[in-house]
Amino acid sequence: MKSMTGYGRGTAVLAGLTVTVQVSSVNRKTLDLAIKLPDEWDSLEAMVGEEVRKVAHRGRISVVVELTGARPGSEAAWDETEVGLILDRLADFADSRGLKFDPTPELLWSIANSQRKAAELPGPDAAAVAVKAALADALRSFAAMRAKEGEALLIDFLTRLAALRAQVEAVAARASQVPAAYREQLRQRLRQAELELDLNDERVLKEIALFADRCDVTEELTRLRSHFDQFAALLRTDGEIGRKSEFILQEIGREVNTIGSKANDLAISRAVIELKNELERVKEQIANVE
């Protein structure tokens, strides 16, 4: 089991520069990739996405690739020719209007800085190996964090599953007593109404039988136990679990609702409320699982 939230960082060296890749993710029903690369390396986006898909199937995943540092001899430089041409044009403009042109150091710095040449990045072909290496490191730590959080989630799910099973067994134990309790209630009502009707009368027996049939939850309990077993087995499998779990939890909810509608007993109604509350917590937590 893996959590959908995680973070990883990796670095590699490229021509004296440092390539840094950061991978982070949050919950999302589908896989949603956001990849940020230097503009010169846009062609590497497909490769980055392919590598991410090898380790993640769901979640909003952000991948940021950055290049830092400076290469010897590749510092940004001014375009002196262009700076000179700009100064000449400014001098001619001032002369044409009879003005004295005496550029200040601040003006010279402003013009020169505007014409500074940025050091070119290595091309995408040269960068591909370094980016892939840094990405591999980032994805390893990213996957490790998701796996570690997944272990904590597994313990939580197993604890909640045990609580669900306990409530179901409580319902099963009480369900077998409901017809007898109804029979006793019916006897008391007949006494209070001073009706001369034997409990062994065919009409009474038929009423009790109909009641027992209406409130019988044996099939629902059997299916719930089966769903619990399926859910427990799924939690321990590799790969994507979240979507499959959502279907099983939906089926569990359907059986619980049916028991609630059939229940004509206070103790069972209370157990159903606890089942629904616990099931809702499981559904909220499963949204964190890949």
C-alpha atoms as a PDB file:
ATOM      1  CA  MET A   1       0.000   0.000   0.000  1.00  0.00           C
ATOM      2  CA  LYS A   2       1.225   3.466  -0.900  1.00  0.00           C
ATOM      3  CA  SER A   3       0.072   6.880   0.189  1.00  0.00           C
ATOM      4  CA  MET A   4      -0.655   9.463  -2.497  1.00  0.00           C
ATOM      5  CA  THR A   5       1.328  12.136  -0.674  1.00  0.00           C
ATOM      6  CA  GLY A   6       5.099  12.196  -0.893  1.00  0.00           C
ATOM      7  CA  TYR A   7       8.232  14.202  -1.624  1.00  0.00           C
ATOM      8  CA  GLY A   8      11.609  13.424  -3.135  1.00  0.00           C
ATOM      9  CA  ARG A   9      14.693  15.363  -4.228  1.00  0.00           C
ATOM     10  CA  GLY A  10      17.646  14.399  -6.388  1.00  0.00           C
ATOM     11  CA  THR A  11      20.686  16.126  -7.889  1.00  0.00           C
ATOM     12  CA  ALA A  12      23.232  15.516 -10.638  1.00  0.00           C
ATOM     13  CA  VAL A  13      26.182  17.439 -12.079  1.00  0.00           C
ATOM     14  CA  LEU A  14      26.120  18.793 -15.613  1.00  0.00           C
ATOM     15  CA  ALA A  15      29.138  20.688 -16.997  1.00  0.00           C
ATOM     16  CA  GLY A  16      29.927  22.260 -13.647  1.00  0.00           C
ATOM     17  CA  LEU A  17      26.265  23.064 -12.970  1.00  0.00           C
ATOM     18  CA  THR A  18      23.867  21.315 -10.561  1.00  0.00           C
ATOM     19  CA  VAL A  19      20.662  19.788 -11.873  1.00  0.00           C
ATOM     20  CA  THR A  20      18.066  19.558  -9.079  1.00  0.00           C
ATOM     21  CA  VAL A  21      14.812  17.645  -9.426  1.00  0.00           C
ATOM     22  CA  GLN A  22      12.030  17.871  -6.842  1.00  0.00           C
ATOM     23  CA  VAL A  23       8.979  15.585  -6.950  1.00  0.00           C
ATOM     24  CA  SER A  24       5.940  16.128  -4.717  1.00  0.00           C
ATOM     25  CA  SER A  25       2.363  14.868  -4.741  1.00  0.00           C
ATOM     26  CA  VAL A  26      -1.029  15.354  -3.125  1.00  0.00           C
ATOM     27  CA  ASN A  27      -4.338  13.491  -3.395  1.00  0.00           C
ATOM     28  CA  ARG A  28      -6.140  13.242  -6.719  1.00  0.00           C
ATOM     29  CA  LYS A  29      -8.515  10.593  -8.103  1.00  0.00           C
ATOM     30  CA  THR A  30      -6.457  10.306 -11.285  1.00  0.00           C
ATOM     31  CA  LEU A  31      -2.818  10.856 -12.228  1.00  0.00           C
ATOM     32  CA  ASP A  32      -2.297  14.558 -12.894  1.00  0.00           C
ATOM     33  CA  LEU A  33       1.269  15.514 -13.846  1.00  0.00           C
ATOM     34  CA  ALA A  34       2.659  19.045 -13.739  1.00  0.00           C
ATOM     35  CA  ILE A  35       6.241  19.217 -15.052  1.00  0.00           C
ATOM     36  CA  LYS A  36       8.336  22.373 -14.955  1.00  0.00           C
ATOM     37  CA  LEU A  37      11.578  22.453 -16.964  1.00  0.00           C
ATOM     38  CA  PRO A  38      13.872  25.218 -18.224  1.00  0.00           C
ATOM     39  CA  ASP A  39      12.459  26.405 -21.547  1.00  0.00           C
ATOM     40  CA  GLU A  40      15.468  25.045 -23.427  1.00  0.00           C
ATOM     41  CA  TRP A  41      14.724  21.538 -22.123  1.00  0.00           C
ATOM     42  CA  ASP A  42      10.996  21.321 -22.912  1.00  0.00           C
ATOM     43  CA  SER A  43      11.652  18.336 -25.177  1.00  0.00           C
ATOM     44  CA  LEU A  44      12.579  16.294 -22.074  1.00  0.00           C
ATOM     45  CA  GLU A  45       9.042  16.523 -20.656  1.00  0.00           C
ATOM     46  CA  ALA A  46       7.900  13.250 -22.231  1.00  0.00           C
ATOM     47  CA  MET A  47      10.872  11.379 -20.745  1.00  0.00           C
ATOM     48  CA  VAL A  48      10.230  12.843 -17.296  1.00  0.00           C
ATOM     49  CA  GLY A  49       6.540  11.908 -17.454  1.00  0.00           C
ATOM     50  CA  GLU A  50       7.357   8.349 -18.511  1.00  0.00           C
ATOM     51  CA  GLU A  51       9.696   7.868 -15.538  1.00  0.00           C
ATOM     52  CA  VAL A  52       7.137   9.253 -13.077  1.00  0.00           C
ATOM     53  CA  ARG A  53       4.430   6.918 -14.386  1.00  0.00           C
ATOM     54  CA  LYS A  54       6.623   3.949 -13.542  1.00  0.00           C
ATOM     55  CA  VAL A  55       6.305   4.666  -9.808  1.00  0.00           C
ATOM     56  CA  ALA A  56       2.949   6.483  -9.447  1.00  0.00           C
ATOM     57  CA  HIS A  57      -0.566   5.830 -10.748  1.00  0.00           C
ATOM     58  CA  ARG A  58      -2.689   8.387  -8.889  1.00  0.00           C
ATOM     59  CA  GLY A  59      -2.238  11.830  -7.404  1.00  0.00           C
ATOM     60  CA  ARG A  60      -1.474  15.409  -8.376  1.00  0.00           C
ATOM     61  CA  ILE A  61       2.277  15.131  -8.960  1.00  0.00           C
ATOM     62  CA  SER A  62       4.548  18.126  -9.442  1.00  0.00           C
ATOM     63  CA  VAL A  63       8.036  17.746 -10.941  1.00  0.00           C
ATOM     64  CA  VAL A  64      10.356  20.762 -10.909  1.00  0.00           C
ATOM     65  CA  VAL A  65      13.723  20.634 -12.696  1.00  0.00           C
ATOM     66  CA  GLU A  66      16.162  23.459 -11.953  1.00  0.00           C
ATOM     67  CA  LEU A  67      19.722  24.270 -12.984  1.00  0.00           C
ATOM     68  CA  THR A  68      21.956  26.208 -10.594  1.00  0.00           C
ATOM     69  CA  GLY A  69      25.597  27.295 -10.430  1.00  0.00           C
ATOM     70  CA  ALA A  70      27.901  28.910 -12.970  1.00  0.00           C
ATOM     71  CA  ARG A  71      30.360  27.288 -15.350  1.00  0.00           C
ATOM     72  CA  PRO A  72      33.918  28.650 -15.514  1.00  0.00           C
ATOM     73  CA  GLY A  73      34.281  30.984 -18.489  1.00  0.00           C
ATOM     74  CA  SER A  74      30.575  31.037 -19.204  1.00  0.00           C
ATOM     75  CA  GLU A  75      29.630  34.019 -17.059  1.00  0.00           C
ATOM     76  CA  ALA A  76      27.099  36.382 -18.535  1.00  0.00           C
ATOM     77  CA  ALA A  77      28.828  39.150 -20.560  1.00  0.00           C
ATOM     78  CA  TRP A  78      27.829  42.445 -22.095  1.00  0.00           C
ATOM     79  CA  ASP A  79      27.348  42.860 -25.815  1.00  0.00           C
ATOM     80  CA  GLU A  80      29.899  45.675 -26.168  1.00  0.00           C
ATOM     81  CA  THR A  81      29.100  46.301 -29.818  1.00  0.00           C
ATOM     82  CA  GLU A  82      25.425  46.793 -29.103  1.00  0.00           C
ATOM     83  CA  VAL A  83      26.176  49.021 -26.091  1.00  0.00           C
ATOM     84  CA  GLY A  84      28.419  51.198 -28.307  1.00  0.00           C
ATOM     85  CA  LEU A  85      25.740  51.524 -30.976  1.00  0.00           C
ATOM     86  CA  ILE A  86      23.179  52.616 -28.395  1.00  0.00           C
ATOM     87  CA  LEU A  87      25.550  55.258 -27.021  1.00  0.00           C
ATOM     88  CA  ASP A  88      26.271  56.543 -30.531  1.00  0.00           C
ATOM     89  CA  ARG A  89      22.554  56.864 -31.272  1.00  0.00           C
ATOM     90  CA  LEU A  90      21.997  58.700 -28.002  1.00  0.00           C
ATOM     91  CA  ALA A  91      24.906  61.072 -28.788  1.00  0.00           C
ATOM     92  CA  ASP A  92      23.562  61.793 -32.287  1.00  0.00           C
ATOM     93  CA  PHE A  93      20.099  62.387 -30.830  1.00  0.00           C
ATOM     94  CA  ALA A  94      21.490  64.876 -28.287  1.00  0.00           C
ATOM     95  CA  ASP A  95      23.614  66.625 -30.945  1.00  0.00           C
ATOM     96  CA  SER A  96      20.654  67.013 -33.290  1.00  0.00           C
ATOM     97  CA  ARG A  97      18.920  69.006 -30.587  1.00  0.00           C
ATOM     98  CA  GLY A  98      21.908  71.015 -29.563  1.00  0.00           C
ATOM     99  CA  LEU A  99      22.305  69.198 -26.301  1.00  0.00           C
ATOM    100  CA  LYS A 100      25.479  68.112 -24.619  1.00  0.00           C
ATOM    101  CA  PHE A 101      25.699  64.366 -24.220  1.00  0.00           C
ATOM    102  CA  ASP A 102      27.677  63.410 -21.111  1.00  0.00           C
ATOM    103  CA  PRO A 103      26.600  59.895 -20.024  1.00  0.00           C
ATOM    104  CA  THR A 104      26.751  59.226 -16.311  1.00  0.00           C
ATOM    105  CA  PRO A 105      28.066  55.983 -14.805  1.00  0.00           C
ATOM    106  CA  GLU A 106      24.483  55.089 -13.890  1.00  0.00           C
ATOM    107  CA  LEU A 107      23.362  55.453 -17.529  1.00  0.00           C
ATOM    108  CA  LEU A 108      26.290  53.409 -18.786  1.00  0.00           C
ATOM    109  CA  TRP A 109      25.502  50.644 -16.267  1.00  0.00           C
ATOM    110  CA  SER A 110      21.820  50.641 -17.188  1.00  0.00           C
ATOM    111  CA  ILE A 111      22.522  50.351 -20.928  1.00  0.00           C
ATOM    112  CA  ALA A 112      25.240  47.764 -20.501  1.00  0.00           C
ATOM    113  CA  ASN A 113      23.158  45.654 -18.115  1.00  0.00           C
ATOM    114  CA  SER A 114      20.206  45.674 -20.536  1.00  0.00           C
ATOM    115  CA  GLN A 115      22.445  44.149 -23.189  1.00  0.00           C
ATOM    116  CA  ARG A 116      23.971  41.491 -20.962  1.00  0.00           C
ATOM    117  CA  LYS A 117      24.258  38.120 -22.686  1.00  0.00           C
ATOM    118  CA  ALA A 118      22.939  35.238 -20.646  1.00  0.00           C
ATOM    119  CA  ALA A 119      25.095  32.136 -20.520  1.00  0.00           C
ATOM    120  CA  GLU A 120      23.482  29.476 -22.657  1.00  0.00           C
ATOM    121  CA  LEU A 121      22.278  26.263 -21.025  1.00  0.00           C
ATOM    122  CA  PRO A 122      23.510  22.905 -22.245  1.00  0.00           C
ATOM    123  CA  GLY A 123      21.199  21.505 -24.901  1.00  0.00           C
ATOM    124  CA  PRO A 124      18.497  18.941 -24.079  1.00  0.00           C
ATOM    125  CA  ASP A 125      20.495  16.041 -25.529  1.00  0.00           C
ATOM    126  CA  ALA A 126      23.426  16.854 -23.267  1.00  0.00           C
ATOM    127  CA  ALA A 127      21.126  17.445 -20.290  1.00  0.00           C
ATOM    128  CA  ALA A 128      19.029  14.275 -20.677  1.00  0.00           C
ATOM    129  CA  VAL A 129      21.422  11.943 -18.826  1.00  0.00           C
ATOM    130  CA  ALA A 130      21.864  14.305 -15.861  1.00  0.00           C
ATOM    131  CA  VAL A 131      18.147  15.064 -15.622  1.00  0.00           C
ATOM    132  CA  LYS A 132      17.291  11.368 -15.718  1.00  0.00           C
ATOM    133  CA  ALA A 133      19.850  10.578 -12.993  1.00  0.00           C
ATOM    134  CA  ALA A 134      18.592  13.352 -10.705  1.00  0.00           C
ATOM    135  CA  LEU A 135      14.995  12.325 -11.390  1.00  0.00           C
ATOM    136  CA  ALA A 136      15.783   8.698 -10.503  1.00  0.00           C
ATOM    137  CA  ASP A 137      17.168   9.794  -7.101  1.00  0.00           C
ATOM    138  CA  ALA A 138      14.146  12.017  -6.480  1.00  0.00           C
ATOM    139  CA  LEU A 139      11.695   9.258  -7.415  1.00  0.00           C
ATOM    140  CA  ARG A 140      13.442   6.733  -5.128  1.00  0.00           C
ATOM    141  CA  SER A 141      13.025   8.957  -2.070  1.00  0.00           C
ATOM    142  CA  PHE A 142       9.549   9.979  -3.264  1.00  0.00           C
ATOM    143  CA  ALA A 143       8.448   6.326  -3.527  1.00  0.00           C
ATOM    144  CA  ALA A 144      10.050   5.470  -0.175  1.00  0.00           C
ATOM    145  CA  MET A 145       8.100   8.232   1.575  1.00  0.00           C
ATOM    146  CA  ARG A 146       4.824   7.132  -0.031  1.00  0.00           C
ATOM    147  CA  ALA A 147       5.505   3.534   0.998  1.00  0.00           C
ATOM    148  CA  LYS A 148       6.292   4.528   4.591  1.00  0.00           C
ATOM    149  CA  GLU A 149       3.096   6.545   4.898  1.00  0.00           C
ATOM    150  CA  GLY A 150       1.276   3.627   3.296  1.00  0.00           C
ATOM    151  CA  GLU A 151       2.419   1.348   6.141  1.00  0.00           C
ATOM    152  CA  ALA A 152       0.871   3.716   8.670  1.00  0.00           C
ATOM    153  CA  LEU A 153      -2.342   3.808   6.645  1.00  0.00           C
ATOM    154  CA  LEU A 154      -2.441   0.006   6.517  1.00  0.00           C
ATOM    155  CA  ILE A 155      -2.311  -0.224  10.314  1.00  0.00           C
ATOM    156  CA  ASP A 156      -5.129   2.317  10.552  1.00  0.00           C
ATOM    157  CA  PHE A 157      -7.277   0.411   8.045  1.00  0.00           C
ATOM    158  CA  LEU A 158      -6.767  -2.923   9.775  1.00  0.00           C
ATOM    159  CA  THR A 159      -7.739  -1.348  13.104  1.00  0.00           C
ATOM    160  CA  ARG A 160     -10.905   0.139  11.620  1.00  0.00           C
ATOM    161  CA  LEU A 161     -11.712  -3.106   9.826  1.00  0.00           C
ATOM    162  CA  ALA A 162     -11.529  -4.935  13.160  1.00  0.00           C
ATOM    163  CA  ALA A 163     -13.977  -2.388  14.595  1.00  0.00           C
ATOM    164  CA  LEU A 164     -16.353  -2.954  11.666  1.00  0.00           C
ATOM    165  CA  ARG A 165     -16.182  -6.727  12.121  1.00  0.00           C
ATOM    166  CA  ALA A 166     -16.922  -6.356  15.840  1.00  0.00           C
ATOM    167  CA  GLN A 167     -20.051  -4.316  15.124  1.00  0.00           C
ATOM    168  CA  VAL A 168     -21.226  -6.831  12.519  1.00  0.00           C
ATOM    169  CA  GLU A 169     -20.831  -9.706  14.980  1.00  0.00           C
ATOM    170  CA  ALA A 170     -22.756  -7.681  17.549  1.00  0.00           C
ATOM    171  CA  VAL A 171     -25.567  -7.287  15.005  1.00  0.00           C
ATOM    172  CA  ALA A 172     -25.465 -11.012  14.242  1.00  0.00           C
ATOM    173  CA  ALA A 173     -25.705 -11.915  17.933  1.00  0.00           C
ATOM    174  CA  ARG A 174     -28.613  -9.556  18.492  1.00  0.00           C
ATOM    175  CA  ALA A 175     -30.425 -10.458  15.260  1.00  0.00           C
ATOM    176  CA  SER A 176     -30.995 -14.027  16.427  1.00  0.00           C
ATOM    177  CA  GLN A 177     -32.790 -12.697  19.519  1.00  0.00           C
ATOM    178  CA  VAL A 178     -35.074 -10.221  17.748  1.00  0.00           C
ATOM    179  CA  PRO A 179     -37.953 -12.634  16.847  1.00  0.00           C
ATOM    180  CA  ALA A 180     -38.117 -13.927  20.440  1.00  0.00           C
ATOM    181  CA  ALA A 181     -38.100 -10.349  21.741  1.00  0.00           C
ATOM    182  CA  TYR A 182     -40.903  -9.458  19.337  1.00  0.00           C
ATOM    183  CA  ARG A 183     -42.888 -12.490  20.493  1.00  0.00           C
ATOM    184  CA  GLU A 184     -42.570 -11.304  24.091  1.00  0.00           C
ATOM    185  CA  GLN A 185     -43.605  -7.762  23.136  1.00  0.00           C
ATOM    186  CA  LEU A 186     -46.622  -9.150  21.313  1.00  0.00           C
ATOM    187  CA  ARG A 187     -47.590 -11.218  24.360  1.00  0.00           C
ATOM    188  CA  GLN A 188     -47.405  -8.143  26.593  1.00  0.00           C
ATOM    189  CA  ARG A 189     -49.531  -6.097  24.197  1.00  0.00           C
ATOM    190  CA  LEU A 190     -52.182  -8.797  24.111  1.00  0.00           C
ATOM    191  CA  ARG A 191     -52.282  -8.867  27.888  1.00  0.00           C
ATOM    192  CA  GLN A 192     -52.527  -5.093  28.111  1.00  0.00           C
ATOM    193  CA  ALA A 193     -55.347  -5.121  25.586  1.00  0.00           C
ATOM    194  CA  GLU A 194     -57.017  -7.950  27.547  1.00  0.00           C
ATOM    195  CA  LEU A 195     -57.363  -9.983  24.368  1.00  0.00           C
ATOM    196  CA  GLU A 196     -58.009 -13.654  24.772  1.00  0.00           C
ATOM    197  CA  LEU A 197     -55.550 -14.904  22.161  1.00  0.00           C
ATOM    198  CA  ASP A 198     -53.162 -17.788  22.662  1.00  0.00           C
ATOM    199  CA  LEU A 199     -49.596 -17.193  21.482  1.00  0.00           C
ATOM    200  CA  ASN A 200     -49.780 -20.575  19.790  1.00  0.00           C
ATOM    201  CA  ASP A 201     -52.734 -19.376  17.778  1.00  0.00           C
ATOM    202  CA  GLU A 202     -52.123 -19.713  14.043  1.00  0.00           C
ATOM    203  CA  ARG A 203     -52.683 -15.995  13.458  1.00  0.00           C
ATOM    204  CA  VAL A 204     -50.098 -15.037  16.091  1.00  0.00           C
ATOM    205  CA  LEU A 205     -47.580 -17.549  14.822  1.00  0.00           C
ATOM    206  CA  LYS A 206     -48.029 -16.225  11.295  1.00  0.00           C
ATOM    207  CA  GLU A 207     -47.465 -12.640  12.452  1.00  0.00           C
ATOM    208  CA  ILE A 208     -44.299 -13.639  14.279  1.00  0.00           C
ATOM    209  CA  ALA A 209     -43.077 -15.586  11.243  1.00  0.00           C
ATOM    210  CA  LEU A 210     -43.699 -12.621   8.940  1.00  0.00           C
ATOM    211  CA  PHE A 211     -41.877 -10.315  11.331  1.00  0.00           C
ATOM    212  CA  ALA A 212     -38.921 -12.684  11.559  1.00  0.00           C
ATOM    213  CA  ASP A 213     -38.722 -12.833   7.767  1.00  0.00           C
ATOM    214  CA  ARG A 214     -38.873  -9.048   7.376  1.00  0.00           C
ATOM    215  CA  CYS A 215     -36.057  -8.424   9.867  1.00  0.00           C
ATOM    216  CA  ASP A 216     -33.860 -11.342   8.815  1.00  0.00           C
ATOM    217  CA  VAL A 217     -30.388  -9.963   7.953  1.00  0.00           C
ATOM    218  CA  THR A 218     -28.556 -13.266   7.562  1.00  0.00           C
ATOM    219  CA  GLU A 219     -27.764 -12.700   3.875  1.00  0.00           C
ATOM    220  CA  GLU A 220     -26.560  -9.155   4.488  1.00  0.00           C
ATOM    221  CA  LEU A 221     -24.269 -10.292   7.296  1.00  0.00           C
ATOM    222  CA  THR A 222     -22.807 -13.038   5.108  1.00  0.00           C
ATOM    223  CA  ARG A 223     -22.088 -10.591   2.298  1.00  0.00           C
ATOM    224  CA  LEU A 224     -20.573  -8.086   4.739  1.00  0.00           C
ATOM    225  CA  ARG A 225     -18.156 -10.689   6.078  1.00  0.00           C
ATOM    226  CA  SER A 226     -17.188 -11.537   2.504  1.00  0.00           C
ATOM    227  CA  HIS A 227     -16.625  -7.849   1.659  1.00  0.00           C
ATOM    228  CA  PHE A 228     -14.471  -7.436   4.767  1.00  0.00           C
ATOM    229  CA  ASP A 229     -12.310 -10.382   3.692  1.00  0.00           C
ATOM    230  CA  GLN A 230     -11.953  -8.930   0.189  1.00  0.00           C
ATOM    231  CA  PHE A 231     -11.031  -5.530   1.582  1.00  0.00           C
ATOM    232  CA  ALA A 232      -8.424  -7.004   3.931  1.00  0.00           C
ATOM    233  CA  ALA A 233      -6.860  -9.007   1.081  1.00  0.00           C
ATOM    234  CA  LEU A 234      -6.820  -5.964  -1.210  1.00  0.00           C
ATOM    235  CA  LEU A 235      -5.063  -3.830   1.398  1.00  0.00           C
ATOM    236  CA  ARG A 236      -2.085  -6.199   1.296  1.00  0.00           C
ATOM    237  CA  THR A 237      -1.677  -6.291  -2.478  1.00  0.00           C
ATOM    238  CA  ASP A 238       0.794  -4.258  -4.519  1.00  0.00           C
ATOM    239  CA  GLY A 239      -0.163  -1.690  -7.117  1.00  0.00           C
ATOM    240  CA  GLU A 240      -3.209   0.545  -7.200  1.00  0.00           C
ATOM    241  CA  ILE A 241      -5.618  -0.066  -4.325  1.00  0.00           C
ATOM    242  CA  GLY A 242      -7.655   3.120  -3.948  1.00  0.00           C
ATOM    243  CA  ARG A 243     -10.154   2.741  -6.782  1.00  0.00           C
ATOM    244  CA  LYS A 244     -10.811  -0.962  -6.146  1.00  0.00           C
ATOM    245  CA  SER A 245     -11.302  -0.233  -2.449  1.00  0.00           C
ATOM    246  CA  GLU A 246     -13.844   2.458  -3.228  1.00  0.00           C
ATOM    247  CA  PHE A 247     -16.042  -0.114  -4.978  1.00  0.00           C
ATOM    248  CA  ILE A 248     -15.847  -2.589  -2.076  1.00  0.00           C
ATOM    249  CA  LEU A 249     -16.606   0.158   0.440  1.00  0.00           C
ATOM    250  CA  GLN A 250     -19.614   1.158  -1.640  1.00  0.00           C
ATOM    251  CA  GLU A 251     -20.919  -2.409  -1.445  1.00  0.00           C
ATOM    252  CA  ILE A 252     -20.309  -2.514   2.308  1.00  0.00           C
ATOM    253  CA  GLY A 253     -22.294   0.685   2.687  1.00  0.00           C
ATOM    254  CA  ARG A 254     -25.174  -0.797   0.700  1.00  0.00           C
ATOM    255  CA  GLU A 255     -25.392  -3.855   2.984  1.00  0.00           C
ATOM    256  CA  VAL A 256     -25.203  -1.705   6.121  1.00  0.00           C
ATOM    257  CA  ASN A 257     -28.049   0.488   4.834  1.00  0.00           C
ATOM    258  CA  THR A 258     -30.155  -2.605   4.144  1.00  0.00           C
ATOM    259  CA  ILE A 259     -29.601  -3.898   7.671  1.00  0.00           C
ATOM    260  CA  GLY A 260     -30.577  -0.480   9.004  1.00  0.00           C
ATOM    261  CA  SER A 261     -33.820  -0.477   7.023  1.00  0.00           C
ATOM    262  CA  LYS A 262     -34.700  -4.008   8.173  1.00  0.00           C
ATOM    263  CA  ALA A 263     -33.761  -3.517  11.788  1.00  0.00           C
ATOM    264  CA  ASN A 264     -36.689  -3.274  14.139  1.00  0.00           C
ATOM    265  CA  ASP A 265     -34.478  -3.285  17.179  1.00  0.00           C
ATOM    266  CA  LEU A 266     -32.797  -0.493  19.116  1.00  0.00           C
ATOM    267  CA  ALA A 267     -29.524  -2.362  19.703  1.00  0.00           C
ATOM    268  CA  ILE A 268     -29.144  -3.188  16.001  1.00  0.00           C
ATOM    269  CA  SER A 269     -29.980   0.402  15.038  1.00  0.00           C
ATOM    270  CA  ARG A 270     -27.218   1.648  17.334  1.00  0.00           C
ATOM    271  CA  ALA A 271     -24.759  -0.835  15.850  1.00  0.00           C
ATOM    272  CA  VAL A 272     -25.706   0.305  12.337  1.00  0.00           C
ATOM    273  CA  ILE A 273     -24.990   3.924  13.299  1.00  0.00           C
ATOM    274  CA  GLU A 274     -21.529   2.897  14.536  1.00  0.00           C
ATOM    275  CA  LEU A 275     -20.947   0.918  11.347  1.00  0.00           C
ATOM    276  CA  LYS A 276     -21.825   3.936   9.211  1.00  0.00           C
ATOM    277  CA  ASN A 277     -19.606   6.258  11.241  1.00  0.00           C
ATOM    278  CA  GLU A 278     -16.615   3.908  11.046  1.00  0.00           C
ATOM    279  CA  LEU A 279     -17.207   3.241   7.358  1.00  0.00           C
ATOM    280  CA  GLU A 280     -17.222   6.971   6.660  1.00  0.00           C
ATOM    281  CA  ARG A 281     -13.837   7.291   8.358  1.00  0.00           C
ATOM    282  CA  VAL A 282     -12.478   4.488   6.187  1.00  0.00           C
ATOM    283  CA  LYS A 283     -13.805   6.181   3.046  1.00  0.00           C
ATOM    284  CA  GLU A 284     -12.142   9.452   4.016  1.00  0.00           C
ATOM    285  CA  GLN A 285      -8.840   7.705   4.622  1.00  0.00           C
ATOM    286  CA  ILE A 286      -8.945   5.619   1.441  1.00  0.00           C
ATOM    287  CA  ALA A 287      -8.841   8.900  -0.484  1.00  0.00           C
ATOM    288  CA  ASN A 288      -5.179   9.098   0.611  1.00  0.00           C
ATOM    289  CA  VAL A 289      -4.264   5.736  -0.915  1.00  0.00           C
ATOM    290  CA  GLU A 290      -2.917   5.223  -4.410  1.00  0.00           C
END
